[in-house]
Amino acid sequence: MRWIVVTVLMVGLLGCAQQRYEDGQASLELDRLRLQAGQFDMDLLRQPTAATKHLRLYIEADLSGWFNGRYQPRKELGYWLFRADRAAYYAVYPCASRWATGCDSSFRGEQRFSTELAEAVGRMLAQLKQQTGGQSLEVVAIGDAAALMLKVAAVSGQIDHLHTINGTLSPTIWARQTGREPPPSSDPLIYHRRLAALAQTHWIAGQLASSQEAMAQAYKKAFPGDNCVRLRVVSDVHSQADWLRLWPGLLNDRFYCAG
């Protein structure tokens, strides 16, 4: 039956300052945080009313950006979903911001899914939870950020529920299905036993269903009989505006996975 259509130690917290962003519609005061783990860093934005017990973090990266060589962070769907979610945090993809200092550029490109990077992000998320007193963490990962955050969940155990939106769940499957060379970094599915216990919901926009759903279905096959991996095609989504309209209702479609 087709899936129902209804459809992210040595860690330093170096700063917290107010930063004003102008988006052409209104200005918004956001807290800016920088997390570091070894050579890696990650800038976060935090809503003034962000939750402190149940943390929700948005993170995004260009879909197949590792292949296209697009390294620069952009305020796209993830940022606008975060801006509309007054309880949330937003992470700039690790090593990708203009404030990044010691990161090798490969971690913005072909190594953007590396286990080394995933382990560092896991330590940074642990520090975020410690600093805020967070008891649980929900991540909304968009595009290529999905593959990284799947690995983060597997190697760190810091993520309690992972949403992805139009996500690269398996770069290896994507490369095979499109006739491309896979990235040199390992695939999230090498941790399929650990991921089998992760509550994960993968959202796919209607206009991408023909390509994205094939990859998602192939990814799900790595978890036979597992109820922790859910695919949801959102037939009414054809633009960013549609996601912004529907996401507040979809976001609450979370579940507990007993593993």
Protein backbone atom coordinates (compact mmCIF):
# COMPACT_ATOMS: atom_id res chain seq x y z
CA MET A 1 0.00 0.00 0.00
CA ARG A 2 1.37 3.42 -0.89
CA TRP A 3 2.58 5.40 2.08
CA ILE A 4 -0.09 7.64 3.53
CA VAL A 5 -0.19 10.98 1.76
CA VAL A 6 -0.25 13.76 4.36
CA THR A 7 2.29 14.89 3.51
CA VAL A 8 16.32 17.28 11.64
CA LEU A 9 34.94 15.85 25.87
CA MET A 10 36.05 19.09 24.61
CA VAL A 11 33.22 21.11 23.43
CA GLY A 12 33.19 24.86 24.00
CA LEU A 13 30.35 27.27 24.02
CA LEU A 14 32.22 30.38 22.98
CA GLY A 15 29.63 33.06 22.86
CA CYS A 16 26.10 34.27 23.08
CA ALA A 17 25.24 37.62 21.56
CA GLN A 18 22.24 39.36 20.14
CA GLN A 19 22.15 39.59 16.36
CA ARG A 20 19.54 41.26 14.23
CA TYR A 21 18.53 39.71 10.91
CA GLU A 22 16.67 41.69 8.28
CA ASP A 23 14.61 39.59 5.88
CA GLY A 24 12.70 42.26 3.97
CA GLN A 25 9.56 41.67 6.00
CA ALA A 26 10.49 42.24 9.61
CA SER A 27 13.49 42.20 11.89
CA LEU A 28 13.86 39.55 14.54
CA GLU A 29 16.12 39.47 17.56
CA LEU A 30 17.85 36.11 17.75
CA ASP A 31 20.48 34.77 20.10
CA ARG A 32 23.59 33.57 18.33
CA LEU A 33 25.59 30.69 19.79
CA ARG A 34 28.79 29.10 18.60
CA LEU A 35 29.59 25.50 19.49
CA GLN A 36 32.97 23.89 18.91
CA ALA A 37 34.39 20.40 19.06
CA GLY A 38 38.01 20.05 18.07
CA GLN A 39 38.53 21.59 14.65
CA PHE A 40 34.79 21.77 13.98
CA ASP A 41 32.40 24.55 14.76
CA MET A 42 28.70 25.16 14.30
CA ASP A 43 26.79 28.42 14.62
CA LEU A 44 23.31 28.33 16.10
CA LEU A 45 20.47 30.82 16.17
CA ARG A 46 17.99 30.63 19.01
CA GLN A 47 14.54 32.12 19.28
CA PRO A 48 14.12 34.35 22.36
CA THR A 49 11.26 32.07 23.39
CA ALA A 50 13.09 28.81 22.57
CA ALA A 51 12.15 25.80 24.67
CA THR A 52 14.68 24.57 27.21
CA LYS A 53 13.40 21.08 28.06
CA HIS A 54 12.34 19.70 24.69
CA LEU A 55 14.75 21.17 22.15
CA ARG A 56 13.89 21.39 18.46
CA LEU A 57 16.72 22.11 16.03
CA TYR A 58 16.49 22.89 12.31
CA ILE A 59 19.47 22.28 10.02
CA GLU A 60 19.72 22.33 6.23
CA ALA A 61 22.13 21.84 3.34
CA ASP A 62 21.75 21.89 -0.42
CA LEU A 63 20.35 18.67 -1.81
CA SER A 64 23.28 16.81 -3.47
CA GLY A 65 25.43 19.86 -2.71
CA TRP A 66 28.40 17.58 -2.10
CA PHE A 67 28.19 16.61 -5.76
CA ASN A 68 27.45 20.08 -7.15
CA GLY A 69 30.14 21.78 -5.10
CA ARG A 70 27.76 24.21 -3.39
CA TYR A 71 29.41 24.94 -0.07
CA GLN A 72 27.86 28.21 1.09
CA PRO A 73 25.01 28.20 3.62
CA ARG A 74 21.80 29.86 2.51
CA LYS A 75 18.69 30.89 4.34
CA GLU A 76 16.28 28.56 2.66
CA LEU A 77 13.39 26.36 3.82
CA GLY A 78 14.99 25.34 7.10
CA TYR A 79 15.59 28.92 8.16
CA TRP A 80 12.03 29.99 7.38
CA LEU A 81 10.54 27.01 9.19
CA PHE A 82 12.71 27.92 12.17
CA ARG A 83 11.65 31.55 12.02
CA ALA A 84 8.01 30.52 12.17
CA ASP A 85 8.68 28.16 15.11
CA ARG A 86 9.06 30.35 18.17
CA ALA A 87 10.31 27.45 20.31
CA ALA A 88 13.19 26.41 18.08
CA TYR A 89 16.91 26.55 17.30
CA TYR A 90 18.60 26.77 13.90
CA ALA A 91 22.04 25.37 13.10
CA VAL A 92 24.20 26.59 10.25
CA TYR A 93 25.72 23.50 8.62
CA PRO A 94 29.00 22.73 10.44
CA CYS A 95 32.07 24.48 9.04
CA ALA A 96 29.96 26.30 6.47
CA SER A 97 29.38 29.72 8.02
CA ARG A 98 31.48 32.76 7.25
CA TRP A 99 32.65 32.67 10.88
CA ALA A 100 34.13 29.17 10.55
CA THR A 101 37.79 29.29 11.52
CA GLY A 102 39.65 25.97 11.51
CA CYS A 103 37.52 23.65 9.39
CA ASP A 104 38.88 22.03 6.27
CA SER A 105 36.76 23.01 3.26
CA SER A 106 36.22 19.34 2.37
CA PHE A 107 33.81 19.08 5.31
CA ARG A 108 31.52 21.49 3.47
CA GLY A 109 31.70 19.36 0.33
CA GLU A 110 32.63 15.76 -0.35
CA GLN A 111 33.23 14.99 3.34
CA ARG A 112 30.02 16.62 4.56
CA PHE A 113 28.72 13.21 5.68
CA SER A 114 31.92 12.03 7.37
CA THR A 115 31.81 10.09 10.62
CA GLU A 116 34.44 12.44 12.02
CA LEU A 117 32.10 15.38 11.47
CA ALA A 118 29.09 13.45 12.81
CA GLU A 119 30.93 12.59 16.03
CA ALA A 120 31.87 16.24 16.52
CA VAL A 121 28.29 17.39 15.95
CA GLY A 122 27.10 14.81 18.46
CA ARG A 123 29.43 16.32 21.08
CA MET A 124 28.20 19.79 20.24
CA LEU A 125 24.57 18.72 20.63
CA ALA A 126 25.40 17.14 23.99
CA GLN A 127 26.89 20.46 25.07
CA LEU A 128 23.78 22.32 23.88
CA LYS A 129 21.57 20.05 25.97
CA GLN A 130 23.84 20.51 28.96
CA GLN A 131 23.85 24.30 28.63
CA THR A 132 20.05 24.55 28.26
CA GLY A 133 19.04 21.75 30.59
CA GLY A 134 17.42 20.01 27.63
CA GLN A 135 15.97 16.59 28.33
CA SER A 136 15.19 15.59 24.74
CA LEU A 137 16.18 16.73 21.28
CA GLU A 138 14.14 16.72 18.09
CA VAL A 139 15.94 17.52 14.83
CA VAL A 140 14.45 18.67 11.54
CA ALA A 141 17.06 18.03 8.83
CA ILE A 142 16.57 19.25 5.29
CA GLY A 143 18.33 18.18 2.09
CA ASP A 144 21.86 16.87 2.59
CA ALA A 145 21.69 17.62 6.31
CA ALA A 146 19.57 14.48 6.61
CA ALA A 147 22.47 12.11 5.94
CA LEU A 148 24.72 13.88 8.43
CA MET A 149 22.09 13.94 11.17
CA LEU A 150 21.29 10.26 10.67
CA LYS A 151 24.95 9.55 11.36
CA VAL A 152 24.93 11.95 14.31
CA ALA A 153 21.96 10.09 15.77
CA ALA A 154 23.68 6.74 15.26
CA VAL A 155 27.08 7.62 16.72
CA SER A 156 25.97 9.91 19.55
CA GLY A 157 22.53 8.84 20.74
CA GLN A 158 21.69 12.52 21.29
CA ILE A 159 18.65 12.70 18.96
CA ASP A 160 15.30 11.42 20.17
CA HIS A 161 13.26 12.06 17.01
CA LEU A 162 14.56 12.93 13.56
CA HIS A 163 12.40 14.56 10.92
CA THR A 164 13.84 14.94 7.44
CA ILE A 165 12.38 17.01 4.61
CA ASN A 166 13.32 16.08 1.04
CA GLY A 167 16.38 14.52 2.61
CA THR A 168 19.39 12.67 1.28
CA LEU A 169 18.89 9.62 3.47
CA SER A 170 21.56 7.56 1.77
CA PRO A 171 24.09 9.28 -0.52
CA THR A 172 25.17 5.85 -1.76
CA ILE A 173 21.64 4.92 -2.84
CA TRP A 174 21.20 8.36 -4.43
CA ALA A 175 24.45 7.96 -6.37
CA ARG A 176 23.50 4.45 -7.52
CA GLN A 177 20.05 5.52 -8.68
CA THR A 178 21.37 8.55 -10.57
CA GLY A 179 24.48 6.92 -12.04
CA ARG A 180 26.90 9.10 -10.05
CA GLU A 181 29.96 8.37 -7.98
CA PRO A 182 29.14 8.13 -4.25
CA PRO A 183 30.88 10.52 -1.86
CA PRO A 184 34.08 9.26 -0.24
CA SER A 185 32.63 9.43 3.26
CA SER A 186 30.74 6.42 4.58
CA ASP A 187 26.97 6.08 4.26
CA PRO A 188 24.56 6.39 7.21
CA LEU A 189 23.33 2.86 6.50
CA ILE A 190 26.55 1.39 7.87
CA TYR A 191 24.84 2.11 11.20
CA HIS A 192 21.53 0.55 10.24
CA ARG A 193 21.32 -1.50 13.45
CA ARG A 194 21.62 1.61 15.59
CA LEU A 195 19.28 3.58 13.36
CA ALA A 196 16.68 0.84 13.65
CA ALA A 197 15.90 2.15 17.14
CA LEU A 198 15.65 5.81 16.11
CA ALA A 199 12.22 7.38 15.72
CA GLN A 200 12.49 8.93 12.27
CA THR A 201 9.94 10.46 9.94
CA HIS A 202 10.98 11.29 6.39
CA TRP A 203 8.82 13.88 4.65
CA ILE A 204 8.80 14.17 0.86
CA ALA A 205 7.21 16.98 -1.15
CA GLY A 206 4.67 15.90 -3.73
CA GLN A 207 6.59 17.33 -6.68
CA LEU A 208 9.69 15.31 -5.71
CA ALA A 209 7.93 12.04 -4.99
CA SER A 210 9.04 10.30 -8.17
CA SER A 211 12.74 10.68 -7.35
CA GLN A 212 12.92 11.15 -3.59
CA GLU A 213 10.46 8.41 -2.71
CA ALA A 214 12.44 5.81 -4.63
CA MET A 215 15.52 6.61 -2.56
CA ALA A 216 13.50 6.68 0.66
CA GLN A 217 11.90 3.32 -0.09
CA ALA A 218 15.32 1.80 -0.80
CA TYR A 219 16.60 3.28 2.47
CA LYS A 220 13.67 1.86 4.43
CA LYS A 221 14.31 -1.63 3.05
CA ALA A 222 17.43 -1.72 5.23
CA PHE A 223 15.05 -1.95 8.21
CA PRO A 224 12.77 -4.92 7.42
CA GLY A 225 9.77 -5.13 9.67
CA ASP A 226 10.87 -2.03 11.58
CA ASN A 227 8.25 0.49 12.63
CA CYS A 228 10.71 3.21 13.59
CA VAL A 229 11.24 4.42 10.01
CA ARG A 230 8.26 6.22 8.53
CA LEU A 231 7.90 7.73 5.05
CA ARG A 232 5.36 10.46 4.41
CA VAL A 233 4.65 11.98 1.01
CA VAL A 234 2.95 15.36 1.31
CA SER A 235 0.97 15.59 -1.88
CA ASP A 236 -0.11 19.21 -1.38
CA VAL A 237 3.43 20.58 -1.18
CA HIS A 238 4.79 22.12 -4.37
CA SER A 239 6.63 25.16 -3.01
CA GLN A 240 8.32 26.58 0.05
CA ALA A 241 5.11 28.45 0.87
CA ASP A 242 3.24 25.15 1.02
CA TRP A 243 5.73 23.74 3.54
CA LEU A 244 5.40 26.87 5.67
CA ARG A 245 1.62 26.56 5.62
CA LEU A 246 1.45 22.86 6.43
CA TRP A 247 4.48 22.26 8.64
CA PRO A 248 2.97 23.34 12.00
CA GLY A 249 0.46 20.48 11.67
CA LEU A 250 2.95 17.94 10.32
CA LEU A 251 5.50 18.69 13.02
CA ASN A 252 3.27 17.22 15.70
CA ASP A 253 3.20 13.87 13.91
CA ARG A 254 5.94 12.44 16.09
CA PHE A 255 6.03 9.10 17.84
CA TYR A 256 7.91 7.03 20.37
CA CYS A 257 9.97 4.16 19.04
CA ALA A 258 10.65 1.31 21.42
CA GLY A 259 13.34 -0.07 19.12
